[in-house]
């Protein structure tokens, strides 16, 4: 009896995403990645809120927004204002950091004045 030695092709996530969503830099891919980031942000907020034993209404009250706004942020149904997102994480006592990549520019930090210098 012969063994079936048919092999499976293995693809990386980037290869599959490039094929079915589009290459990096294309409008469809940029939209996909933006939506993915928003979904991850919303999931993080929900998880931390639940770990802190807060309801959406309680978190909304602390932040100064309605419960519906917290729900929309957690479910990635809105483009919340940046300051609202910062207030939510502050209310949750969670540290956040954002990476900003400026393409085709060199950025330096002036250590004495703490200013960014774009070249």
PDB file of N, CA and C in Angstrom:
ATOM      1  N   UNK A   1       0.836  -1.166   0.000  1.00  0.00           N
ATOM      2  CA  UNK A   1       0.000   0.000   0.000  1.00  0.00           C
ATOM      3  C   UNK A   1       0.890   1.240   0.000  1.00  0.00           C
ATOM      4  N   UNK A   2       0.611   2.186  -0.916  1.00  0.00           N
ATOM      5  CA  UNK A   2       1.409   3.404  -1.020  1.00  0.00           C
ATOM      6  C   UNK A   2       0.864   4.479  -0.090  1.00  0.00           C
ATOM      7  N   UNK A   3       1.791   5.251   0.496  1.00  0.00           N
ATOM      8  CA  UNK A   3       1.390   6.386   1.324  1.00  0.00           C
ATOM      9  C   UNK A   3       1.123   7.583   0.419  1.00  0.00           C
ATOM     10  N   UNK A   4       0.169   8.345   0.810  1.00  0.00           N
ATOM     11  CA  UNK A   4      -0.119   9.579   0.099  1.00  0.00           C
ATOM     12  C   UNK A   4       0.853  10.634   0.621  1.00  0.00           C
ATOM     13  N   UNK A   5       1.777  11.056  -0.195  1.00  0.00           N
ATOM     14  CA  UNK A   5       2.801  12.002   0.247  1.00  0.00           C
ATOM     15  C   UNK A   5       2.546  13.406  -0.293  1.00  0.00           C
ATOM     16  N   UNK A   6       1.301  13.694  -0.563  1.00  0.00           N
ATOM     17  CA  UNK A   6       0.951  15.022  -1.054  1.00  0.00           C
ATOM     18  C   UNK A   6       1.254  16.054   0.037  1.00  0.00           C
ATOM     19  N   UNK A   7       2.002  17.073  -0.309  1.00  0.00           N
ATOM     20  CA  UNK A   7       2.373  18.064   0.688  1.00  0.00           C
ATOM     21  C   UNK A   7       1.456  19.287   0.593  1.00  0.00           C
ATOM     22  N   UNK A   8       1.320  19.958   1.683  1.00  0.00           N
ATOM     23  CA  UNK A   8       0.519  21.169   1.744  1.00  0.00           C
ATOM     24  C   UNK A   8       1.428  22.381   1.597  1.00  0.00           C
ATOM     25  N   UNK A   9       0.931  23.370   0.909  1.00  0.00           N
ATOM     26  CA  UNK A   9       1.673  24.624   0.822  1.00  0.00           C
ATOM     27  C   UNK A   9       1.418  25.427   2.085  1.00  0.00           C
ATOM     28  N   UNK A  10       2.436  26.074   2.581  1.00  0.00           N
ATOM     29  CA  UNK A  10       2.334  26.893   3.771  1.00  0.00           C
ATOM     30  C   UNK A  10       2.594  28.341   3.372  1.00  0.00           C
ATOM     31  N   UNK A  11       1.724  29.238   3.828  1.00  0.00           N
ATOM     32  CA  UNK A  11       1.841  30.650   3.499  1.00  0.00           C
ATOM     33  C   UNK A  11       1.891  31.469   4.786  1.00  0.00           C
ATOM     34  N   UNK A  12       2.600  32.575   4.752  1.00  0.00           N
ATOM     35  CA  UNK A  12       2.636  33.481   5.892  1.00  0.00           C
ATOM     36  C   UNK A  12       1.366  34.321   5.892  1.00  0.00           C
ATOM     37  N   UNK A  13       1.075  34.922   7.022  1.00  0.00           N
ATOM     38  CA  UNK A  13      -0.088  35.805   7.115  1.00  0.00           C
ATOM     39  C   UNK A  13       0.041  36.967   6.131  1.00  0.00           C
ATOM     40  N   UNK A  14       1.243  37.519   6.001  1.00  0.00           N
ATOM     41  CA  UNK A  14       1.454  38.619   5.054  1.00  0.00           C
ATOM     42  C   UNK A  14       1.176  38.188   3.618  1.00  0.00           C
ATOM     43  N   UNK A  15       1.589  36.985   3.261  1.00  0.00           N
ATOM     44  CA  UNK A  15       1.345  36.501   1.900  1.00  0.00           C
ATOM     45  C   UNK A  15      -0.157  36.361   1.626  1.00  0.00           C
ATOM     46  N   UNK A  16      -0.876  35.813   2.578  1.00  0.00           N
ATOM     47  CA  UNK A  16      -2.316  35.639   2.415  1.00  0.00           C
ATOM     48  C   UNK A  16      -3.015  37.001   2.369  1.00  0.00           C
ATOM     49  N   UNK A  17      -2.611  37.902   3.256  1.00  0.00           N
ATOM     50  CA  UNK A  17      -3.211  39.236   3.282  1.00  0.00           C
ATOM     51  C   UNK A  17      -2.913  39.975   1.988  1.00  0.00           C
ATOM     52  N   UNK A  18      -1.679  39.897   1.497  1.00  0.00           N
ATOM     53  CA  UNK A  18      -1.324  40.530   0.224  1.00  0.00           C
ATOM     54  C   UNK A  18      -2.210  40.004  -0.904  1.00  0.00           C
ATOM     55  N   UNK A  19      -2.437  38.706  -0.909  1.00  0.00           N
ATOM     56  CA  UNK A  19      -3.197  38.092  -2.000  1.00  0.00           C
ATOM     57  C   UNK A  19      -4.683  38.447  -1.939  1.00  0.00           C
ATOM     58  N   UNK A  20      -5.280  38.389  -0.761  1.00  0.00           N
ATOM     59  CA  UNK A  20      -6.731  38.535  -0.662  1.00  0.00           C
ATOM     60  C   UNK A  20      -7.200  39.937  -0.277  1.00  0.00           C
ATOM     61  N   UNK A  21      -6.360  40.720   0.351  1.00  0.00           N
ATOM     62  CA  UNK A  21      -6.731  42.081   0.743  1.00  0.00           C
ATOM     63  C   UNK A  21      -6.032  43.102  -0.149  1.00  0.00           C
ATOM     64  N   UNK A  22      -4.781  42.864  -0.441  1.00  0.00           N
ATOM     65  CA  UNK A  22      -4.000  43.777  -1.265  1.00  0.00           C
ATOM     66  C   UNK A  22      -2.653  44.043  -0.617  1.00  0.00           C
ATOM     67  N   UNK A  23      -1.730  44.517  -1.410  1.00  0.00           N
ATOM     68  CA  UNK A  23      -0.379  44.813  -0.912  1.00  0.00           C
ATOM     69  C   UNK A  23      -0.420  46.050  -0.019  1.00  0.00           C
ATOM     70  N   UNK A  24       0.586  46.141   0.864  1.00  0.00           N
ATOM     71  CA  UNK A  24       0.712  47.318   1.731  1.00  0.00           C
ATOM     72  C   UNK A  24       0.776  48.581   0.878  1.00  0.00           C
ATOM     73  N   UNK A  25       0.077  49.612   1.349  1.00  0.00           N
ATOM     74  CA  UNK A  25       0.073  50.879   0.629  1.00  0.00           C
ATOM     75  C   UNK A  25      -1.121  51.053  -0.298  1.00  0.00           C
ATOM     76  N   UNK A  26      -1.821  49.949  -0.615  1.00  0.00           N
ATOM     77  CA  UNK A  26      -3.010  50.066  -1.459  1.00  0.00           C
ATOM     78  C   UNK A  26      -4.178  50.530  -0.593  1.00  0.00           C
ATOM     79  N   UNK A  27      -5.121  51.257  -1.180  1.00  0.00           N
ATOM     80  CA  UNK A  27      -6.253  51.764  -0.382  1.00  0.00           C
ATOM     81  C   UNK A  27      -7.010  50.663   0.368  1.00  0.00           C
ATOM     82  N   UNK A  28      -7.251  49.535  -0.271  1.00  0.00           N
ATOM     83  CA  UNK A  28      -7.987  48.449   0.376  1.00  0.00           C
ATOM     84  C   UNK A  28      -7.216  47.903   1.576  1.00  0.00           C
ATOM     85  N   UNK A  29      -5.906  47.757   1.447  1.00  0.00           N
ATOM     86  CA  UNK A  29      -5.074  47.246   2.540  1.00  0.00           C
ATOM     87  C   UNK A  29      -5.012  48.260   3.679  1.00  0.00           C
ATOM     88  N   UNK A  30      -4.863  49.535   3.350  1.00  0.00           N
ATOM     89  CA  UNK A  30      -4.810  50.573   4.385  1.00  0.00           C
ATOM     90  C   UNK A  30      -6.105  50.596   5.194  1.00  0.00           C
ATOM     91  N   UNK A  31      -7.247  50.482   4.512  1.00  0.00           N
ATOM     92  CA  UNK A  31      -8.538  50.453   5.190  1.00  0.00           C
ATOM     93  C   UNK A  31      -8.635  49.226   6.093  1.00  0.00           C
ATOM     94  N   UNK A  32      -8.233  48.077   5.576  1.00  0.00           N
ATOM     95  CA  UNK A  32      -8.252  46.838   6.352  1.00  0.00           C
ATOM     96  C   UNK A  32      -7.414  46.982   7.627  1.00  0.00           C
ATOM     97  N   UNK A  33      -6.198  47.496   7.502  1.00  0.00           N
ATOM     98  CA  UNK A  33      -5.315  47.613   8.665  1.00  0.00           C
ATOM     99  C   UNK A  33      -5.825  48.648   9.653  1.00  0.00           C
ATOM    100  N   UNK A  34      -6.421  49.731   9.147  1.00  0.00           N
ATOM    101  CA  UNK A  34      -6.998  50.743  10.021  1.00  0.00           C
ATOM    102  C   UNK A  34      -8.146  50.163  10.830  1.00  0.00           C
ATOM    103  N   UNK A  35      -9.028  49.413  10.165  1.00  0.00           N
ATOM    104  CA  UNK A  35     -10.151  48.786  10.861  1.00  0.00           C
ATOM    105  C   UNK A  35      -9.668  47.754  11.867  1.00  0.00           C
ATOM    106  N   UNK A  36      -8.626  47.032  11.529  1.00  0.00           N
ATOM    107  CA  UNK A  36      -8.072  46.039  12.438  1.00  0.00           C
ATOM    108  C   UNK A  36      -7.519  46.710  13.692  1.00  0.00           C
ATOM    109  N   UNK A  37      -6.800  47.814  13.507  1.00  0.00           N
ATOM    110  CA  UNK A  37      -6.249  48.537  14.663  1.00  0.00           C
ATOM    111  C   UNK A  37      -7.370  49.046  15.559  1.00  0.00           C
ATOM    112  N   UNK A  38      -8.453  49.575  14.956  1.00  0.00           N
ATOM    113  CA  UNK A  38      -9.573  50.067  15.747  1.00  0.00           C
ATOM    114  C   UNK A  38     -10.234  48.925  16.522  1.00  0.00           C
ATOM    115  N   UNK A  39     -10.346  47.769  15.886  1.00  0.00           N
ATOM    116  CA  UNK A  39     -10.950  46.622  16.559  1.00  0.00           C
ATOM    117  C   UNK A  39     -10.094  46.173  17.738  1.00  0.00           C
ATOM    118  N   UNK A  40      -8.783  46.154  17.558  1.00  0.00           N
ATOM    119  CA  UNK A  40      -7.886  45.760  18.652  1.00  0.00           C
ATOM    120  C   UNK A  40      -7.956  46.768  19.800  1.00  0.00           C
ATOM    121  N   UNK A  41      -8.061  48.046  19.458  1.00  0.00           N
ATOM    122  CA  UNK A  41      -8.173  49.094  20.473  1.00  0.00           C
ATOM    123  C   UNK A  41      -9.463  48.906  21.269  1.00  0.00           C
ATOM    124  N   UNK A  42     -10.575  48.691  20.569  1.00  0.00           N
ATOM    125  CA  UNK A  42     -11.856  48.477  21.232  1.00  0.00           C
ATOM    126  C   UNK A  42     -11.846  47.243  22.119  1.00  0.00           C
ATOM    127  N   UNK A  43     -11.245  46.164  21.620  1.00  0.00           N
ATOM    128  CA  UNK A  43     -11.149  44.937  22.415  1.00  0.00           C
ATOM    129  C   UNK A  43     -10.323  45.160  23.681  1.00  0.00           C
ATOM    130  N   UNK A  44      -9.265  45.944  23.557  1.00  0.00           N
ATOM    131  CA  UNK A  44      -8.418  46.237  24.730  1.00  0.00           C
ATOM    132  C   UNK A  44      -9.194  47.022  25.770  1.00  0.00           C
ATOM    133  N   UNK A  45      -9.938  48.011  25.317  1.00  0.00           N
ATOM    134  CA  UNK A  45     -10.729  48.828  26.248  1.00  0.00           C
ATOM    135  C   UNK A  45     -11.758  47.954  26.957  1.00  0.00           C
ATOM    136  N   UNK A  46     -12.463  47.109  26.220  1.00  0.00           N
ATOM    137  CA  UNK A  46     -13.470  46.227  26.827  1.00  0.00           C
ATOM    138  C   UNK A  46     -12.831  45.303  27.860  1.00  0.00           C
ATOM    139  N   UNK A  47     -11.717  44.682  27.482  1.00  0.00           N
ATOM    140  CA  UNK A  47     -11.060  43.737  28.386  1.00  0.00           C
ATOM    141  C   UNK A  47     -10.617  44.420  29.681  1.00  0.00           C
ATOM    142  N   UNK A  48      -9.995  45.586  29.560  1.00  0.00           N
ATOM    143  CA  UNK A  48      -9.513  46.302  30.751  1.00  0.00           C
ATOM    144  C   UNK A  48     -10.690  46.766  31.593  1.00  0.00           C
ATOM    145  N   UNK A  49     -11.743  47.285  30.944  1.00  0.00           N
ATOM    146  CA  UNK A  49     -12.934  47.738  31.678  1.00  0.00           C
ATOM    147  C   UNK A  49     -13.518  46.584  32.486  1.00  0.00           C
ATOM    148  N   UNK A  50     -13.617  45.427  31.872  1.00  0.00           N
ATOM    149  CA  UNK A  50     -14.175  44.264  32.570  1.00  0.00           C
ATOM    150  C   UNK A  50     -13.258  43.806  33.697  1.00  0.00           C
ATOM    151  N   UNK A  51     -11.946  43.864  33.498  1.00  0.00           N
ATOM    152  CA  UNK A  51     -11.002  43.511  34.568  1.00  0.00           C
ATOM    153  C   UNK A  51     -11.146  44.449  35.754  1.00  0.00           C
ATOM    154  N   UNK A  52     -11.521  45.711  35.480  1.00  0.00           N
ATOM    155  CA  UNK A  52     -11.704  46.724  36.533  1.00  0.00           C
ATOM    156  C   UNK A  52     -13.116  46.669  37.124  1.00  0.00           C
ATOM    157  N   UNK A  53     -13.918  45.713  36.651  1.00  0.00           N
ATOM    158  CA  UNK A  53     -15.303  45.550  37.126  1.00  0.00           C
ATOM    159  C   UNK A  53     -16.132  46.817  36.963  1.00  0.00           C
ATOM    160  N   UNK A  54     -15.979  47.450  35.816  1.00  0.00           N
ATOM    161  CA  UNK A  54     -16.758  48.645  35.497  1.00  0.00           C
ATOM    162  C   UNK A  54     -17.762  48.319  34.398  1.00  0.00           C
ATOM    163  N   UNK A  55     -18.934  48.917  34.493  1.00  0.00           N
ATOM    164  CA  UNK A  55     -19.884  48.818  33.391  1.00  0.00           C
ATOM    165  C   UNK A  55     -19.545  49.903  32.373  1.00  0.00           C
ATOM    166  N   UNK A  56     -20.126  49.787  31.191  1.00  0.00           N
ATOM    167  CA  UNK A  56     -19.926  50.844  30.191  1.00  0.00           C
ATOM    168  C   UNK A  56     -20.466  52.168  30.710  1.00  0.00           C
ATOM    169  N   UNK A  57     -21.590  52.120  31.423  1.00  0.00           N
ATOM    170  CA  UNK A  57     -22.179  53.342  31.971  1.00  0.00           C
ATOM    171  C   UNK A  57     -21.251  53.989  32.997  1.00  0.00           C
ATOM    172  N   UNK A  58     -20.649  53.171  33.865  1.00  0.00           N
ATOM    173  CA  UNK A  58     -19.728  53.708  34.869  1.00  0.00           C
ATOM    174  C   UNK A  58     -18.501  54.334  34.220  1.00  0.00           C
ATOM    175  N   UNK A  59     -17.935  53.636  33.227  1.00  0.00           N
ATOM    176  CA  UNK A  59     -16.766  54.183  32.539  1.00  0.00           C
ATOM    177  C   UNK A  59     -17.139  55.470  31.813  1.00  0.00           C
ATOM    178  N   UNK A  60     -18.286  55.486  31.170  1.00  0.00           N
ATOM    179  CA  UNK A  60     -18.747  56.686  30.485  1.00  0.00           C
ATOM    180  C   UNK A  60     -18.892  57.858  31.431  1.00  0.00           C
ATOM    181  N   UNK A  61     -19.410  57.593  32.619  1.00  0.00           N
ATOM    182  CA  UNK A  61     -19.573  58.658  33.615  1.00  0.00           C
ATOM    183  C   UNK A  61     -18.217  59.220  34.042  1.00  0.00           C
ATOM    184  N   UNK A  62     -17.255  58.349  34.251  1.00  0.00           N
ATOM    185  CA  UNK A  62     -15.909  58.781  34.646  1.00  0.00           C
ATOM    186  C   UNK A  62     -15.283  59.633  33.543  1.00  0.00           C
ATOM    187  N   UNK A  63     -15.447  59.203  32.299  1.00  0.00           N
ATOM    188  CA  UNK A  63     -14.827  59.874  31.153  1.00  0.00           C
ATOM    189  C   UNK A  63     -15.583  61.134  30.759  1.00  0.00           C
ATOM    190  N   UNK A  64     -16.905  61.145  31.031  1.00  0.00           N
ATOM    191  CA  UNK A  64     -17.724  62.290  30.652  1.00  0.00           C
ATOM    192  C   UNK A  64     -18.426  62.101  29.312  1.00  0.00           C
ATOM    193  N   UNK A  65     -18.697  60.831  28.960  1.00  0.00           N
ATOM    194  CA  UNK A  65     -19.432  60.528  27.732  1.00  0.00           C
ATOM    195  C   UNK A  65     -20.561  59.566  28.078  1.00  0.00           C
ATOM    196  N   UNK A  66     -21.475  59.404  27.161  1.00  0.00           N
ATOM    197  CA  UNK A  66     -22.591  58.486  27.357  1.00  0.00           C
ATOM    198  C   UNK A  66     -22.133  57.029  27.241  1.00  0.00           C
ATOM    199  N   UNK A  67     -22.895  56.132  27.847  1.00  0.00           N
ATOM    200  CA  UNK A  67     -22.641  54.698  27.750  1.00  0.00           C
ATOM    201  C   UNK A  67     -22.567  54.263  26.295  1.00  0.00           C
ATOM    202  N   UNK A  68     -23.429  54.837  25.451  1.00  0.00           N
ATOM    203  CA  UNK A  68     -23.460  54.467  24.029  1.00  0.00           C
ATOM    204  C   UNK A  68     -22.122  54.752  23.352  1.00  0.00           C
ATOM    205  N   UNK A  69     -21.447  55.824  23.752  1.00  0.00           N
ATOM    206  CA  UNK A  69     -20.148  56.153  23.167  1.00  0.00           C
ATOM    207  C   UNK A  69     -19.115  55.101  23.536  1.00  0.00           C
ATOM    208  N   UNK A  70     -19.127  54.642  24.789  1.00  0.00           N
ATOM    209  CA  UNK A  70     -18.199  53.590  25.215  1.00  0.00           C
ATOM    210  C   UNK A  70     -18.487  52.315  24.423  1.00  0.00           C
ATOM    211  N   UNK A  71     -19.756  51.988  24.262  1.00  0.00           N
ATOM    212  CA  UNK A  71     -20.139  50.807  23.493  1.00  0.00           C
ATOM    213  C   UNK A  71     -19.641  50.906  22.053  1.00  0.00           C
ATOM    214  N   UNK A  72     -19.807  52.054  21.448  1.00  0.00           N
ATOM    215  CA  UNK A  72     -19.358  52.244  20.059  1.00  0.00           C
ATOM    216  C   UNK A  72     -17.845  52.117  19.949  1.00  0.00           C
ATOM    217  N   UNK A  73     -17.113  52.650  20.917  1.00  0.00           N
ATOM    218  CA  UNK A  73     -15.647  52.545  20.903  1.00  0.00           C
ATOM    219  C   UNK A  73     -15.236  51.080  21.038  1.00  0.00           C
ATOM    220  N   UNK A  74     -15.850  50.374  21.983  1.00  0.00           N
ATOM    221  CA  UNK A  74     -15.499  48.968  22.207  1.00  0.00           C
ATOM    222  C   UNK A  74     -15.826  48.096  20.996  1.00  0.00           C
ATOM    223  N   UNK A  75     -16.866  48.461  20.268  1.00  0.00           N
ATOM    224  CA  UNK A  75     -17.289  47.673  19.110  1.00  0.00           C
ATOM    225  C   UNK A  75     -16.797  48.243  17.785  1.00  0.00           C
ATOM    226  N   UNK A  76     -15.878  49.198  17.858  1.00  0.00           N
ATOM    227  CA  UNK A  76     -15.257  49.800  16.667  1.00  0.00           C
ATOM    228  C   UNK A  76     -16.291  50.359  15.702  1.00  0.00           C
ATOM    229  N   UNK A  77     -17.356  50.947  16.242  1.00  0.00           N
ATOM    230  CA  UNK A  77     -18.426  51.481  15.408  1.00  0.00           C
ATOM    231  C   UNK A  77     -18.324  52.989  15.211  1.00  0.00           C
ATOM    232  N   UNK A  78     -17.284  53.589  15.748  1.00  0.00           N
ATOM    233  CA  UNK A  78     -17.143  55.037  15.643  1.00  0.00           C
ATOM    234  C   UNK A  78     -15.683  55.412  15.546  1.00  0.00           C
ATOM    235  N   UNK A  79     -15.433  56.538  14.954  1.00  0.00           N
ATOM    236  CA  UNK A  79     -14.092  57.110  14.979  1.00  0.00           C
ATOM    237  C   UNK A  79     -14.066  58.104  16.136  1.00  0.00           C
ATOM    238  N   UNK A  80     -13.761  57.601  17.307  1.00  0.00           N
ATOM    239  CA  UNK A  80     -13.757  58.432  18.506  1.00  0.00           C
ATOM    240  C   UNK A  80     -12.634  59.456  18.431  1.00  0.00           C
ATOM    241  N   UNK A  81     -12.861  60.567  19.080  1.00  0.00           N
ATOM    242  CA  UNK A  81     -11.824  61.591  19.142  1.00  0.00           C
ATOM    243  C   UNK A  81     -10.636  61.051  19.929  1.00  0.00           C
ATOM    244  N   UNK A  82      -9.463  61.477  19.524  1.00  0.00           N
ATOM    245  CA  UNK A  82      -8.229  61.023  20.158  1.00  0.00           C
ATOM    246  C   UNK A  82      -8.246  61.337  21.645  1.00  0.00           C
ATOM    247  N   UNK A  83      -8.699  62.532  22.019  1.00  0.00           N
ATOM    248  CA  UNK A  83      -8.709  62.891  23.435  1.00  0.00           C
ATOM    249  C   UNK A  83      -9.686  62.021  24.224  1.00  0.00           C
ATOM    250  N   UNK A  84     -10.761  61.561  23.594  1.00  0.00           N
ATOM    251  CA  UNK A  84     -11.685  60.656  24.274  1.00  0.00           C
ATOM    252  C   UNK A  84     -11.010  59.317  24.560  1.00  0.00           C
ATOM    253  N   UNK A  85     -10.278  58.805  23.576  1.00  0.00           N
ATOM    254  CA  UNK A  85      -9.546  57.546  23.765  1.00  0.00           C
ATOM    255  C   UNK A  85      -8.544  57.701  24.911  1.00  0.00           C
ATOM    256  N   UNK A  86      -7.829  58.818  24.940  1.00  0.00           N
ATOM    257  CA  UNK A  86      -6.860  59.049  26.019  1.00  0.00           C
ATOM    258  C   UNK A  86      -7.562  59.106  27.372  1.00  0.00           C
ATOM    259  N   UNK A  87      -8.731  59.758  27.437  1.00  0.00           N
ATOM    260  CA  UNK A  87      -9.485  59.842  28.685  1.00  0.00           C
ATOM    261  C   UNK A  87      -9.956  58.459  29.132  1.00  0.00           C
ATOM    262  N   UNK A  88     -10.370  57.634  28.182  1.00  0.00           N
ATOM    263  CA  UNK A  88     -10.820  56.283  28.517  1.00  0.00           C
ATOM    264  C   UNK A  88      -9.680  55.493  29.143  1.00  0.00           C
ATOM    265  N   UNK A  89      -8.518  55.519  28.525  1.00  0.00           N
ATOM    266  CA  UNK A  89      -7.388  54.775  29.086  1.00  0.00           C
ATOM    267  C   UNK A  89      -6.940  55.361  30.424  1.00  0.00           C
ATOM    268  N   UNK A  90      -7.005  56.668  30.571  1.00  0.00           N
ATOM    269  CA  UNK A  90      -6.659  57.281  31.853  1.00  0.00           C
ATOM    270  C   UNK A  90      -7.643  56.833  32.933  1.00  0.00           C
ATOM    271  N   UNK A  91      -8.935  56.800  32.592  1.00  0.00           N
ATOM    272  CA  UNK A  91      -9.953  56.360  33.544  1.00  0.00           C
ATOM    273  C   UNK A  91      -9.754  54.898  33.935  1.00  0.00           C
ATOM    274  N   UNK A  92      -9.225  54.117  33.019  1.00  0.00           N
ATOM    275  CA  UNK A  92      -8.968  52.702  33.294  1.00  0.00           C
ATOM    276  C   UNK A  92      -7.615  52.473  33.971  1.00  0.00           C
ATOM    277  N   UNK A  93      -6.894  53.572  34.203  1.00  0.00           N
ATOM    278  CA  UNK A  93      -5.563  53.508  34.802  1.00  0.00           C
ATOM    279  C   UNK A  93      -4.658  52.592  33.987  1.00  0.00           C
ATOM    280  N   UNK A  94      -4.715  52.784  32.673  1.00  0.00           N
ATOM    281  CA  UNK A  94      -3.928  51.967  31.753  1.00  0.00           C
ATOM    282  C   UNK A  94      -2.952  52.855  30.991  1.00  0.00           C
ATOM    283  N   UNK A  95      -1.736  52.404  30.881  1.00  0.00           N
ATOM    284  CA  UNK A  95      -0.717  53.136  30.139  1.00  0.00           C
ATOM    285  C   UNK A  95      -0.821  52.762  28.667  1.00  0.00           C
ATOM    286  N   UNK A  96      -0.775  53.759  27.812  1.00  0.00           N
ATOM    287  CA  UNK A  96      -0.810  53.500  26.376  1.00  0.00           C
ATOM    288  C   UNK A  96       0.360  54.204  25.719  1.00  0.00           C
ATOM    289  N   UNK A  97       0.733  53.709  24.572  1.00  0.00           N
ATOM    290  CA  UNK A  97       1.765  54.377  23.786  1.00  0.00           C
ATOM    291  C   UNK A  97       1.394  54.242  22.324  1.00  0.00           C
ATOM    292  N   UNK A  98       1.706  55.268  21.554  1.00  0.00           N
ATOM    293  CA  UNK A  98       1.431  55.271  20.129  1.00  0.00           C
ATOM    294  C   UNK A  98       2.750  55.409  19.390  1.00  0.00           C
ATOM    295  N   UNK A  99       2.866  54.676  18.326  1.00  0.00           N
ATOM    296  CA  UNK A  99       4.017  54.814  17.448  1.00  0.00           C
ATOM    297  C   UNK A  99       3.602  55.626  16.242  1.00  0.00           C
ATOM    298  N   UNK A 100       4.393  56.601  15.914  1.00  0.00           N
ATOM    299  CA  UNK A 100       4.129  57.417  14.737  1.00  0.00           C
ATOM    300  C   UNK A 100       5.305  57.249  13.797  1.00  0.00           C
ATOM    301  N   UNK A 101       5.018  56.860  12.582  1.00  0.00           N
ATOM    302  CA  UNK A 101       6.067  56.677  11.591  1.00  0.00           C
ATOM    303  C   UNK A 101       5.889  57.756  10.531  1.00  0.00           C
ATOM    304  N   UNK A 102       6.874  58.594  10.404  1.00  0.00           N
ATOM    305  CA  UNK A 102       6.841  59.654   9.407  1.00  0.00           C
ATOM    306  C   UNK A 102       7.728  59.215   8.259  1.00  0.00           C
ATOM    307  N   UNK A 103       7.097  58.965   7.146  1.00  0.00           N
ATOM    308  CA  UNK A 103       7.814  58.430   6.002  1.00  0.00           C
ATOM    309  C   UNK A 103       8.605  59.518   5.290  1.00  0.00           C
ATOM    310  N   UNK A 104       9.761  59.144   4.796  1.00  0.00           N
ATOM    311  CA  UNK A 104      10.617  60.029   4.003  1.00  0.00           C
ATOM    312  C   UNK A 104      11.052  61.282   4.750  1.00  0.00           C
ATOM    313  N   UNK A 105      11.079  61.225   6.064  1.00  0.00           N
ATOM    314  CA  UNK A 105      11.584  62.349   6.843  1.00  0.00           C
ATOM    315  C   UNK A 105      12.420  61.806   7.988  1.00  0.00           C
ATOM    316  N   UNK A 106      13.449  62.545   8.318  1.00  0.00           N
ATOM    317  CA  UNK A 106      14.258  62.207   9.475  1.00  0.00           C
ATOM    318  C   UNK A 106      13.759  63.072  10.632  1.00  0.00           C
ATOM    319  N   UNK A 107      13.527  62.456  11.778  1.00  0.00           N
ATOM    320  CA  UNK A 107      13.025  63.178  12.934  1.00  0.00           C
ATOM    321  C   UNK A 107      14.048  63.065  14.052  1.00  0.00           C
ATOM    322  N   UNK A 108      14.385  64.205  14.625  1.00  0.00           N
ATOM    323  CA  UNK A 108      15.297  64.219  15.759  1.00  0.00           C
ATOM    324  C   UNK A 108      14.618  64.914  16.927  1.00  0.00           C
ATOM    325  N   UNK A 109      14.983  64.516  18.127  1.00  0.00           N
ATOM    326  CA  UNK A 109      14.463  65.153  19.322  1.00  0.00           C
ATOM    327  C   UNK A 109      15.556  66.041  19.884  1.00  0.00           C
ATOM    328  N   UNK A 110      15.254  67.321  20.029  1.00  0.00           N
ATOM    329  CA  UNK A 110      16.179  68.258  20.643  1.00  0.00           C
ATOM    330  C   UNK A 110      16.119  68.005  22.147  1.00  0.00           C
ATOM    331  N   UNK A 111      17.190  67.451  22.705  1.00  0.00           N
ATOM    332  CA  UNK A 111      17.163  67.017  24.098  1.00  0.00           C
ATOM    333  C   UNK A 111      17.015  68.172  25.095  1.00  0.00           C
ATOM    334  N   UNK A 112      17.481  69.347  24.753  1.00  0.00           N
ATOM    335  CA  UNK A 112      17.367  70.454  25.701  1.00  0.00           C
ATOM    336  C   UNK A 112      15.969  71.060  25.713  1.00  0.00           C
ATOM    337  N   UNK A 113      15.344  71.169  24.541  1.00  0.00           N
ATOM    338  CA  UNK A 113      14.017  71.783  24.486  1.00  0.00           C
ATOM    339  C   UNK A 113      12.897  70.760  24.360  1.00  0.00           C
ATOM    340  N   UNK A 114      13.243  69.470  24.168  1.00  0.00           N
ATOM    341  CA  UNK A 114      12.289  68.385  23.985  1.00  0.00           C
ATOM    342  C   UNK A 114      11.379  68.602  22.767  1.00  0.00           C
ATOM    343  N   UNK A 115      11.891  69.327  21.788  1.00  0.00           N
ATOM    344  CA  UNK A 115      11.129  69.566  20.570  1.00  0.00           C
ATOM    345  C   UNK A 115      11.536  68.570  19.491  1.00  0.00           C
ATOM    346  N   UNK A 116      10.577  68.273  18.622  1.00  0.00           N
ATOM    347  CA  UNK A 116      10.864  67.432  17.460  1.00  0.00           C
ATOM    348  C   UNK A 116      11.335  68.295  16.315  1.00  0.00           C
ATOM    349  N   UNK A 117      12.377  67.853  15.654  1.00  0.00           N
ATOM    350  CA  UNK A 117      12.904  68.572  14.496  1.00  0.00           C
ATOM    351  C   UNK A 117      12.756  67.660  13.278  1.00  0.00           C
ATOM    352  N   UNK A 118      11.995  68.110  12.284  1.00  0.00           N
ATOM    353  CA  UNK A 118      11.783  67.327  11.067  1.00  0.00           C
ATOM    354  C   UNK A 118      12.740  67.817   9.991  1.00  0.00           C
ATOM    355  N   UNK A 119      13.388  66.860   9.333  1.00  0.00           N
ATOM    356  CA  UNK A 119      14.331  67.223   8.274  1.00  0.00           C
ATOM    357  C   UNK A 119      13.962  66.531   6.998  1.00  0.00           C
TER     358      UNK A 119
END
